[in-house]
C-alpha atoms as a PDB file:
ATOM      1  CA  MET A   1     -16.037  89.662  91.569  1.00  0.00           C
ATOM      2  CA  THR A   2     -16.537  90.336  95.428  1.00  0.00           C
ATOM      3  CA  LEU A   3     -16.327  88.407  98.639  1.00  0.00           C
ATOM      4  CA  THR A   4     -19.298  89.514 101.169  1.00  0.00           C
ATOM      5  CA  ALA A   5     -20.134  88.878 104.523  1.00  0.00           C
ATOM      6  CA  SER A   6     -23.710  89.590 105.607  1.00  0.00           C
ATOM      7  CA  ASN A   7     -24.620  89.507 109.193  1.00  0.00           C
ATOM      8  CA  ILE A   8     -21.858  87.161 110.278  1.00  0.00           C
ATOM      9  CA  THR A   9     -22.082  86.003 113.965  1.00  0.00           C
ATOM     10  CA  VAL A  10     -19.648  83.335 115.304  1.00  0.00           C
ATOM     11  CA  SER A  11     -20.484  82.023 118.966  1.00  0.00           C
ATOM     12  CA  ALA A  12     -18.489  79.251 120.787  1.00  0.00           C
ATOM     13  CA  SER A  13     -18.924  78.055 124.453  1.00  0.00           C
ATOM     14  CA  GLY A  14     -21.787  80.448 124.931  1.00  0.00           C
ATOM     15  CA  ARG A  15     -19.853  83.563 123.955  1.00  0.00           C
ATOM     16  CA  THR A  16     -20.232  85.687 120.887  1.00  0.00           C
ATOM     17  CA  ILE A  17     -16.785  85.961 119.328  1.00  0.00           C
ATOM     18  CA  VAL A  18     -18.151  87.886 115.926  1.00  0.00           C
ATOM     19  CA  ASP A  19     -21.275  89.834 116.400  1.00  0.00           C
ATOM     20  CA  GLY A  20     -23.318  90.838 113.105  1.00  0.00           C
ATOM     21  CA  VAL A  21     -20.448  91.618 110.865  1.00  0.00           C
ATOM     22  CA  HIS A  22     -21.212  93.002 107.286  1.00  0.00           C
ATOM     23  CA  LEU A  23     -17.989  93.697 104.903  1.00  0.00           C
ATOM     24  CA  ALA A  24     -17.261  93.290 101.278  1.00  0.00           C
ATOM     25  CA  LEU A  25     -13.937  92.551  99.558  1.00  0.00           C
ATOM     26  CA  ALA A  26     -13.778  93.620  96.050  1.00  0.00           C
ATOM     27  CA  ALA A  27     -11.261  92.303  93.245  1.00  0.00           C
ATOM     28  CA  GLY A  28      -8.114  94.716  93.428  1.00  0.00           C
ATOM     29  CA  GLU A  29      -8.573  95.867  96.955  1.00  0.00           C
ATOM     30  CA  PHE A  30      -5.767  95.482  99.652  1.00  0.00           C
ATOM     31  CA  VAL A  31      -7.748  95.487 103.147  1.00  0.00           C
ATOM     32  CA  GLY A  32      -6.272  95.669 106.426  1.00  0.00           C
ATOM     33  CA  LEU A  33      -8.368  93.799 109.301  1.00  0.00           C
ATOM     34  CA  ILE A  34      -6.951  95.538 112.441  1.00  0.00           C
ATOM     35  CA  GLY A  35      -8.046  95.676 116.086  1.00  0.00           C
ATOM     36  CA  PRO A  36      -6.574  94.605 119.538  1.00  0.00           C
ATOM     37  CA  ASN A  37      -6.164  90.947 120.610  1.00  0.00           C
ATOM     38  CA  GLY A  38      -9.431  89.293 121.193  1.00  0.00           C
ATOM     39  CA  ALA A  39     -11.295  91.366 118.944  1.00  0.00           C
ATOM     40  CA  GLY A  40     -12.210  88.481 116.817  1.00  0.00           C
ATOM     41  CA  LYS A  41     -10.101  89.175 113.793  1.00  0.00           C
ATOM     42  CA  SER A  42      -9.015  85.347 113.287  1.00  0.00           C
ATOM     43  CA  THR A  43     -12.346  84.106 113.899  1.00  0.00           C
ATOM     44  CA  LEU A  44     -13.846  86.289 111.306  1.00  0.00           C
ATOM     45  CA  MET A  45     -11.127  85.441 108.809  1.00  0.00           C
ATOM     46  CA  ARG A  46     -11.867  81.782 109.427  1.00  0.00           C
ATOM     47  CA  ALA A  47     -15.602  82.396 108.812  1.00  0.00           C
ATOM     48  CA  LEU A  48     -14.596  84.369 105.540  1.00  0.00           C
ATOM     49  CA  ALA A  49     -12.412  81.591 104.347  1.00  0.00           C
ATOM     50  CA  GLY A  50     -15.096  78.940 104.782  1.00  0.00           C
ATOM     51  CA  VAL A  51     -13.111  77.029 107.581  1.00  0.00           C
ATOM     52  CA  GLN A  52     -15.410  77.889 110.596  1.00  0.00           C
ATOM     53  CA  ARG A  53     -19.293  77.810 109.926  1.00  0.00           C
ATOM     54  CA  PRO A  54     -20.806  80.939 111.148  1.00  0.00           C
ATOM     55  CA  SER A  55     -23.687  80.726 113.730  1.00  0.00           C
ATOM     56  CA  ALA A  56     -25.899  83.090 111.665  1.00  0.00           C
ATOM     57  CA  GLY A  57     -25.316  84.953 108.316  1.00  0.00           C
ATOM     58  CA  VAL A  58     -23.829  84.216 104.928  1.00  0.00           C
ATOM     59  CA  VAL A  59     -20.352  84.506 103.295  1.00  0.00           C
ATOM     60  CA  ALA A  60     -20.564  84.587  99.527  1.00  0.00           C
ATOM     61  CA  ALA A  61     -18.144  84.828  96.570  1.00  0.00           C
ATOM     62  CA  ALA A  62     -19.639  86.333  93.457  1.00  0.00           C
ATOM     63  CA  ASN A  63     -23.147  86.019  94.910  1.00  0.00           C
ATOM     64  CA  ARG A  64     -22.701  82.437  95.598  1.00  0.00           C
ATOM     65  CA  PRO A  65     -22.935  81.293  99.160  1.00  0.00           C
ATOM     66  CA  LEU A  66     -19.674  79.385 100.363  1.00  0.00           C
ATOM     67  CA  GLN A  67     -21.672  76.753 101.984  1.00  0.00           C
ATOM     68  CA  ALA A  68     -23.476  76.111  98.696  1.00  0.00           C
ATOM     69  CA  THR A  69     -20.093  75.784  96.975  1.00  0.00           C
ATOM     70  CA  PRO A  70     -18.194  72.367  96.232  1.00  0.00           C
ATOM     71  CA  PRO A  71     -14.920  72.290  98.368  1.00  0.00           C
ATOM     72  CA  ARG A  72     -12.603  72.036  95.359  1.00  0.00           C
ATOM     73  CA  GLN A  73     -14.269  75.264  93.654  1.00  0.00           C
ATOM     74  CA  ARG A  74     -14.136  77.068  97.114  1.00  0.00           C
ATOM     75  CA  ALA A  75     -10.319  76.130  97.518  1.00  0.00           C
ATOM     76  CA  ARG A  76      -9.833  77.638  94.152  1.00  0.00           C
ATOM     77  CA  THR A  77     -11.509  80.795  94.764  1.00  0.00           C
ATOM     78  CA  ILE A  78     -10.259  81.641  98.205  1.00  0.00           C
ATOM     79  CA  ALA A  79      -6.486  81.246  99.466  1.00  0.00           C
ATOM     80  CA  TYR A  80      -6.294  81.375 103.157  1.00  0.00           C
ATOM     81  CA  LEU A  81      -3.184  81.550 105.190  1.00  0.00           C
ATOM     82  CA  PRO A  82      -4.026  80.959 109.097  1.00  0.00           C
ATOM     83  CA  GLN A  83      -2.132  82.184 111.976  1.00  0.00           C
ATOM     84  CA  ASP A  84      -0.915  78.772 112.817  1.00  0.00           C
ATOM     85  CA  ARG A  85       2.793  78.503 111.021  1.00  0.00           C
ATOM     86  CA  ARG A  86       3.515  74.637 111.941  1.00  0.00           C
ATOM     87  CA  ILE A  87       4.478  72.043 109.462  1.00  0.00           C
ATOM     88  CA  GLU A  88       4.269  68.488 111.017  1.00  0.00           C
ATOM     89  CA  TRP A  89       5.735  66.568 108.083  1.00  0.00           C
ATOM     90  CA  ARG A  90       9.405  66.680 106.691  1.00  0.00           C
ATOM     91  CA  LEU A  91       8.369  67.881 103.323  1.00  0.00           C
ATOM     92  CA  SER A  92      10.658  69.955 100.985  1.00  0.00           C
ATOM     93  CA  VAL A  93       9.718  73.815 100.643  1.00  0.00           C
ATOM     94  CA  ARG A  94       8.792  72.954  97.167  1.00  0.00           C
ATOM     95  CA  ASP A  95       6.167  70.196  98.228  1.00  0.00           C
ATOM     96  CA  VAL A  96       4.667  72.400 100.848  1.00  0.00           C
ATOM     97  CA  VAL A  97       4.201  75.298  98.300  1.00  0.00           C
ATOM     98  CA  ARG A  98       2.784  72.450  95.951  1.00  0.00           C
ATOM     99  CA  LEU A  99      -0.107  71.802  98.486  1.00  0.00           C
ATOM    100  CA  GLY A 100      -1.544  75.297  97.509  1.00  0.00           C
ATOM    101  CA  ARG A 101      -2.241  73.682  93.917  1.00  0.00           C
ATOM    102  CA  PHE A 102      -4.145  70.829  95.185  1.00  0.00           C
ATOM    103  CA  PRO A 103      -7.493  72.114  93.918  1.00  0.00           C
ATOM    104  CA  HIS A 104      -6.064  72.537  90.418  1.00  0.00           C
ATOM    105  CA  GLN A 105      -4.392  69.206  90.028  1.00  0.00           C
ATOM    106  CA  ALA A 106      -5.383  66.811  87.296  1.00  0.00           C
ATOM    107  CA  GLY A 107      -7.838  63.992  88.212  1.00  0.00           C
ATOM    108  CA  ASP A 108      -5.106  61.515  88.973  1.00  0.00           C
ATOM    109  CA  GLY A 109      -3.785  63.832  91.537  1.00  0.00           C
ATOM    110  CA  ARG A 110      -0.614  64.826  89.780  1.00  0.00           C
ATOM    111  CA  PRO A 111       0.688  68.210  89.340  1.00  0.00           C
ATOM    112  CA  THR A 112       0.279  69.833  86.080  1.00  0.00           C
ATOM    113  CA  PRO A 113       2.916  71.978  84.158  1.00  0.00           C
ATOM    114  CA  ASP A 114       0.797  75.029  85.212  1.00  0.00           C
ATOM    115  CA  CYS A 115       1.040  73.819  88.776  1.00  0.00           C
ATOM    116  CA  GLU A 116       4.718  73.619  88.837  1.00  0.00           C
ATOM    117  CA  ALA A 117       5.097  77.081  87.136  1.00  0.00           C
ATOM    118  CA  ALA A 118       2.799  78.546  89.780  1.00  0.00           C
ATOM    119  CA  VAL A 119       4.818  77.079  92.560  1.00  0.00           C
ATOM    120  CA  THR A 120       7.987  78.664  90.904  1.00  0.00           C
ATOM    121  CA  ARG A 121       6.279  82.014  90.672  1.00  0.00           C
ATOM    122  CA  ALA A 122       5.268  81.875  94.254  1.00  0.00           C
ATOM    123  CA  LEU A 123       8.719  80.965  95.507  1.00  0.00           C
ATOM    124  CA  THR A 124      10.376  83.542  93.555  1.00  0.00           C
ATOM    125  CA  ARG A 125       8.156  86.230  94.752  1.00  0.00           C
ATOM    126  CA  VAL A 126       9.030  85.472  98.565  1.00  0.00           C
ATOM    127  CA  GLU A 127      12.756  85.062  97.646  1.00  0.00           C
ATOM    128  CA  LEU A 128      12.813  81.318  98.676  1.00  0.00           C
ATOM    129  CA  LEU A 129      13.439  79.677  95.257  1.00  0.00           C
ATOM    130  CA  ASP A 130      17.221  78.914  96.348  1.00  0.00           C
ATOM    131  CA  LEU A 131      15.663  77.026  99.415  1.00  0.00           C
ATOM    132  CA  SER A 132      13.003  74.977  97.489  1.00  0.00           C
ATOM    133  CA  GLU A 133      14.833  71.687  98.169  1.00  0.00           C
ATOM    134  CA  ARG A 134      15.330  72.171 101.697  1.00  0.00           C
ATOM    135  CA  PRO A 135      13.226  70.340 104.423  1.00  0.00           C
ATOM    136  CA  ALA A 136      10.662  72.813 105.597  1.00  0.00           C
ATOM    137  CA  THR A 137      11.154  71.591 109.207  1.00  0.00           C
ATOM    138  CA  VAL A 138      14.700  72.927 109.447  1.00  0.00           C
ATOM    139  CA  LEU A 139      13.800  76.437 108.453  1.00  0.00           C
ATOM    140  CA  SER A 140      13.635  79.337 110.926  1.00  0.00           C
ATOM    141  CA  GLY A 141      10.202  80.921 111.950  1.00  0.00           C
ATOM    142  CA  GLY A 142      10.470  83.765 109.369  1.00  0.00           C
ATOM    143  CA  GLU A 143      11.410  81.538 106.486  1.00  0.00           C
ATOM    144  CA  LEU A 144       8.470  78.999 107.215  1.00  0.00           C
ATOM    145  CA  SER A 145       6.204  82.118 107.558  1.00  0.00           C
ATOM    146  CA  ARG A 146       7.258  82.792 103.957  1.00  0.00           C
ATOM    147  CA  VAL A 147       6.912  79.323 102.759  1.00  0.00           C
ATOM    148  CA  LEU A 148       3.223  79.242 104.017  1.00  0.00           C
ATOM    149  CA  LEU A 149       2.708  82.651 102.341  1.00  0.00           C
ATOM    150  CA  ALA A 150       3.949  81.153  98.880  1.00  0.00           C
ATOM    151  CA  ARG A 151       1.460  78.046  99.347  1.00  0.00           C
ATOM    152  CA  ALA A 152      -1.066  80.488  99.515  1.00  0.00           C
ATOM    153  CA  LEU A 153       0.199  82.470  96.526  1.00  0.00           C
ATOM    154  CA  ALA A 154       0.397  79.518  94.644  1.00  0.00           C
ATOM    155  CA  VAL A 155      -3.389  78.943  94.558  1.00  0.00           C
ATOM    156  CA  GLU A 156      -3.418  81.943  92.402  1.00  0.00           C
ATOM    157  CA  ALA A 157      -7.100  82.442  93.756  1.00  0.00           C
ATOM    158  CA  PRO A 158      -9.281  85.565  93.114  1.00  0.00           C
ATOM    159  CA  PHE A 159      -9.383  86.188  96.816  1.00  0.00           C
ATOM    160  CA  MET A 160      -6.572  85.854  99.407  1.00  0.00           C
ATOM    161  CA  LEU A 161      -7.119  86.006 103.183  1.00  0.00           C
ATOM    162  CA  LEU A 162      -4.195  86.288 105.347  1.00  0.00           C
ATOM    163  CA  ASP A 163      -4.088  85.962 109.272  1.00  0.00           C
ATOM    164  CA  GLU A 164      -0.787  88.010 110.429  1.00  0.00           C
ATOM    165  CA  PRO A 165       1.268  87.468 107.158  1.00  0.00           C
ATOM    166  CA  ALA A 166       4.150  89.743 108.355  1.00  0.00           C
ATOM    167  CA  ALA A 167       4.315  88.257 112.030  1.00  0.00           C
ATOM    168  CA  ALA A 168       7.889  86.930 112.927  1.00  0.00           C
ATOM    169  CA  LEU A 169       9.435  88.557 109.976  1.00  0.00           C
ATOM    170  CA  ASP A 170      12.425  90.966 110.129  1.00  0.00           C
ATOM    171  CA  PRO A 171      11.810  94.633 108.722  1.00  0.00           C
ATOM    172  CA  TYR A 172      13.035  93.817 105.267  1.00  0.00           C
ATOM    173  CA  HIS A 173      10.885  90.671 104.874  1.00  0.00           C
ATOM    174  CA  GLN A 174       7.894  92.470 106.548  1.00  0.00           C
ATOM    175  CA  ILE A 175       8.409  95.072 103.610  1.00  0.00           C
ATOM    176  CA  LEU A 176       8.719  92.320 100.885  1.00  0.00           C
ATOM    177  CA  VAL A 177       5.418  90.602 102.080  1.00  0.00           C
ATOM    178  CA  MET A 178       3.346  93.923 101.868  1.00  0.00           C
ATOM    179  CA  GLU A 179       4.768  94.523  98.664  1.00  0.00           C
ATOM    180  CA  VAL A 180       3.819  91.084  97.261  1.00  0.00           C
ATOM    181  CA  LEU A 181       0.524  91.370  98.635  1.00  0.00           C
ATOM    182  CA  ARG A 182      -0.215  94.901  97.249  1.00  0.00           C
ATOM    183  CA  ASP A 183       1.042  93.883  93.872  1.00  0.00           C
ATOM    184  CA  CYS A 184      -1.465  90.778  94.196  1.00  0.00           C
ATOM    185  CA  ALA A 185      -4.072  93.230  94.597  1.00  0.00           C
ATOM    186  CA  ARG A 186      -3.018  95.634  91.766  1.00  0.00           C
ATOM    187  CA  ASN A 187      -3.174  92.606  89.547  1.00  0.00           C
ATOM    188  CA  GLY A 188      -6.774  92.013  90.473  1.00  0.00           C
ATOM    189  CA  CYS A 189      -6.736  89.811  93.303  1.00  0.00           C
ATOM    190  CA  GLY A 190      -8.898  90.741  96.391  1.00  0.00           C
ATOM    191  CA  VAL A 191      -6.608  90.725  99.542  1.00  0.00           C
ATOM    192  CA  MET A 192      -7.658  91.006 103.038  1.00  0.00           C
ATOM    193  CA  ALA A 193      -4.732  90.663 105.837  1.00  0.00           C
ATOM    194  CA  ALA A 194      -5.282  90.681 109.483  1.00  0.00           C
ATOM    195  CA  ILE A 195      -2.366  93.000 110.944  1.00  0.00           C
ATOM    196  CA  HIS A 196      -1.140  94.479 114.208  1.00  0.00           C
ATOM    197  CA  ASP A 197       1.510  96.683 112.594  1.00  0.00           C
ATOM    198  CA  LEU A 198      -0.391  99.924 112.218  1.00  0.00           C
ATOM    199  CA  ALA A 199       2.537 101.629 110.401  1.00  0.00           C
ATOM    200  CA  LEU A 200       2.671  98.932 107.724  1.00  0.00           C
ATOM    201  CA  ALA A 201      -1.067  98.987 107.533  1.00  0.00           C
ATOM    202  CA  ALA A 202      -1.308 102.615 106.773  1.00  0.00           C
ATOM    203  CA  ARG A 203       1.429 102.750 104.363  1.00  0.00           C
ATOM    204  CA  TYR A 204       0.420  99.745 102.067  1.00  0.00           C
ATOM    205  CA  MET A 205      -3.277  99.183 102.315  1.00  0.00           C
ATOM    206  CA  ASP A 206      -6.014 100.931 100.630  1.00  0.00           C
ATOM    207  CA  ARG A 207      -8.575 100.409 103.504  1.00  0.00           C
ATOM    208  CA  LEU A 208      -8.809  99.303 107.058  1.00  0.00           C
ATOM    209  CA  ILE A 209     -11.568  97.436 108.989  1.00  0.00           C
ATOM    210  CA  LEU A 210     -11.207  98.235 112.681  1.00  0.00           C
ATOM    211  CA  LEU A 211     -12.870  95.331 114.846  1.00  0.00           C
ATOM    212  CA  ASP A 212     -13.437  95.584 118.593  1.00  0.00           C
ATOM    213  CA  ALA A 213     -15.254  93.161 120.679  1.00  0.00           C
ATOM    214  CA  GLY A 214     -16.521  91.218 117.407  1.00  0.00           C
ATOM    215  CA  ARG A 215     -17.850  94.272 115.880  1.00  0.00           C
ATOM    216  CA  ILE A 216     -16.943  96.673 113.199  1.00  0.00           C
ATOM    217  CA  VAL A 217     -16.102 100.232 114.668  1.00  0.00           C
ATOM    218  CA  CYS A 218     -14.956 101.799 111.440  1.00  0.00           C
ATOM    219  CA  ASP A 219     -14.283 100.825 107.877  1.00  0.00           C
ATOM    220  CA  GLY A 220     -12.353 103.468 105.538  1.00  0.00           C
ATOM    221  CA  PRO A 221      -8.937 104.710 104.301  1.00  0.00           C
ATOM    222  CA  PRO A 222      -6.232 104.455 106.724  1.00  0.00           C
ATOM    223  CA  ALA A 223      -6.219 108.257 107.457  1.00  0.00           C
ATOM    224  CA  GLU A 224      -9.891 108.042 108.694  1.00  0.00           C
ATOM    225  CA  VAL A 225      -9.459 105.050 110.822  1.00  0.00           C
ATOM    226  CA  ILE A 226      -6.225 105.196 112.427  1.00  0.00           C
ATOM    227  CA  THR A 227      -6.893 108.291 114.482  1.00  0.00           C
ATOM    228  CA  PRO A 228      -5.844 109.433 117.972  1.00  0.00           C
ATOM    229  CA  GLU A 229      -9.282 109.023 119.320  1.00  0.00           C
ATOM    230  CA  ARG A 230      -9.845 105.541 118.127  1.00  0.00           C
ATOM    231  CA  LEU A 231      -6.487 104.670 119.371  1.00  0.00           C
ATOM    232  CA  ARG A 232      -7.179 105.732 122.682  1.00  0.00           C
ATOM    233  CA  GLU A 233     -10.919 104.171 122.782  1.00  0.00           C
ATOM    234  CA  VAL A 234      -9.894 100.875 121.097  1.00  0.00           C
ATOM    235  CA  TYR A 235      -6.455 100.105 121.644  1.00  0.00           C
ATOM    236  CA  HIS A 236      -6.135 102.075 125.045  1.00  0.00           C
ATOM    237  CA  VAL A 237      -2.815 103.804 123.694  1.00  0.00           C
ATOM    238  CA  GLU A 238      -1.464 107.077 122.498  1.00  0.00           C
ATOM    239  CA  SER A 239       1.411 107.887 120.173  1.00  0.00           C
ATOM    240  CA  VAL A 240       4.862 109.108 121.923  1.00  0.00           C
ATOM    241  CA  SER A 241       6.502 109.813 118.668  1.00  0.00           C
ATOM    242  CA  GLU A 242       6.075 109.308 114.801  1.00  0.00           C
ATOM    243  CA  ILE A 243       8.068 108.457 111.845  1.00  0.00           C
ATOM    244  CA  GLY A 244       7.072 111.806 109.880  1.00  0.00           C
ATOM    245  CA  ALA A 245       3.863 113.346 109.925  1.00  0.00           C
ATOM    246  CA  GLU A 246       2.383 111.826 107.180  1.00  0.00           C
ATOM    247  CA  MET A 247       3.055 108.828 105.088  1.00  0.00           C
ATOM    248  CA  GLY A 248       3.348 110.758 101.787  1.00  0.00           C
ATOM    249  CA  ASP A 249       4.834 108.034  99.716  1.00  0.00           C
ATOM    250  CA  GLY A 250       1.551 107.464  97.447  1.00  0.00           C
ATOM    251  CA  LEU A 251       1.309 103.759  99.158  1.00  0.00           C
ATOM    252  CA  GLY A 252      -2.233 104.508 100.874  1.00  0.00           C
ATOM    253  CA  GLY A 253      -0.692 107.228 102.997  1.00  0.00           C
ATOM    254  CA  GLY A 254      -2.189 110.015 104.949  1.00  0.00           C
ATOM    255  CA  ALA A 255      -1.946 108.346 107.996  1.00  0.00           C
ATOM    256  CA  ALA A 256       0.629 108.843 110.545  1.00  0.00           C
ATOM    257  CA  ALA A 257       3.174 106.212 111.186  1.00  0.00           C
ATOM    258  CA  PHE A 258       3.333 105.518 114.918  1.00  0.00           C
ATOM    259  CA  ARG A 259       6.732 104.400 116.330  1.00  0.00           C
ATOM    260  CA  SER A 260       6.238 104.113 119.925  1.00  0.00           C
ATOM    261  CA  TRP A 261       3.289 104.024 122.476  1.00  0.00           C
ATOM    262  CA  ARG A 262       2.114 104.828 125.758  1.00  0.00           C
ATOM    263  CA  ARG A 263      -0.422 103.069 127.671  1.00  0.00           C
ATOM    264  CA  ILE A 264      -3.273 105.219 128.901  1.00  0.00           C
ATOM    265  CA  ARG A 265      -4.835 102.628 131.350  1.00  0.00           C
ATOM    266  CA  GLY A 266      -3.415  99.821 133.342  1.00  0.00           C
END
């Protein structure tokens, strides 16, 4: 199964935010969407998830356009984690994660035994099972990020789209999240995540898509995408020091892991 975007364009207030993007996410891939602030990453993710209607082009899952897919089926096909991490209601952590099972619930709206098992699996994977009865509104920002990731995991959809899933996390939990998502891909899920941490992207992701000004600049293995030339042209930075010359741990390596940066334009 493949999730495809064909000539996707998204415009708002007379401005083109995503401009004629073509891409594909296959089952078993862990793909990173990278690019500077304002490149159009979040807008593209919303279009891929079916949350935002594109101005032109078609998003399709298994060759079926999302716009022609019933909402419940679409929700079972694509799990989406937005950048917004707010929870407005005083629900328990488990109840928040249960929301991810809504498209799988029985006709009377009650969770099935399979739903409860999926919720427990998701909480266990993000190491939050011991907090499952705590109100989500009293959690730290990092804990809340993991709760919402667990909600997306609980869908157990063939595709996952995540906007900055490692944001606001300490190094331990950044690694945990990347390992969980990599394992999802290895188990057959197509996973795409927008990410700013290029070291994490190079280490864990199979493929990177570099977006700038709404267009794809490059799509390929991390070593071919994260190059000094593209860092200068797209990010307007250069590396000052590196953590080792190569990421040689077999986790999608080959690209340098940059530790610190220097701006090359004001």
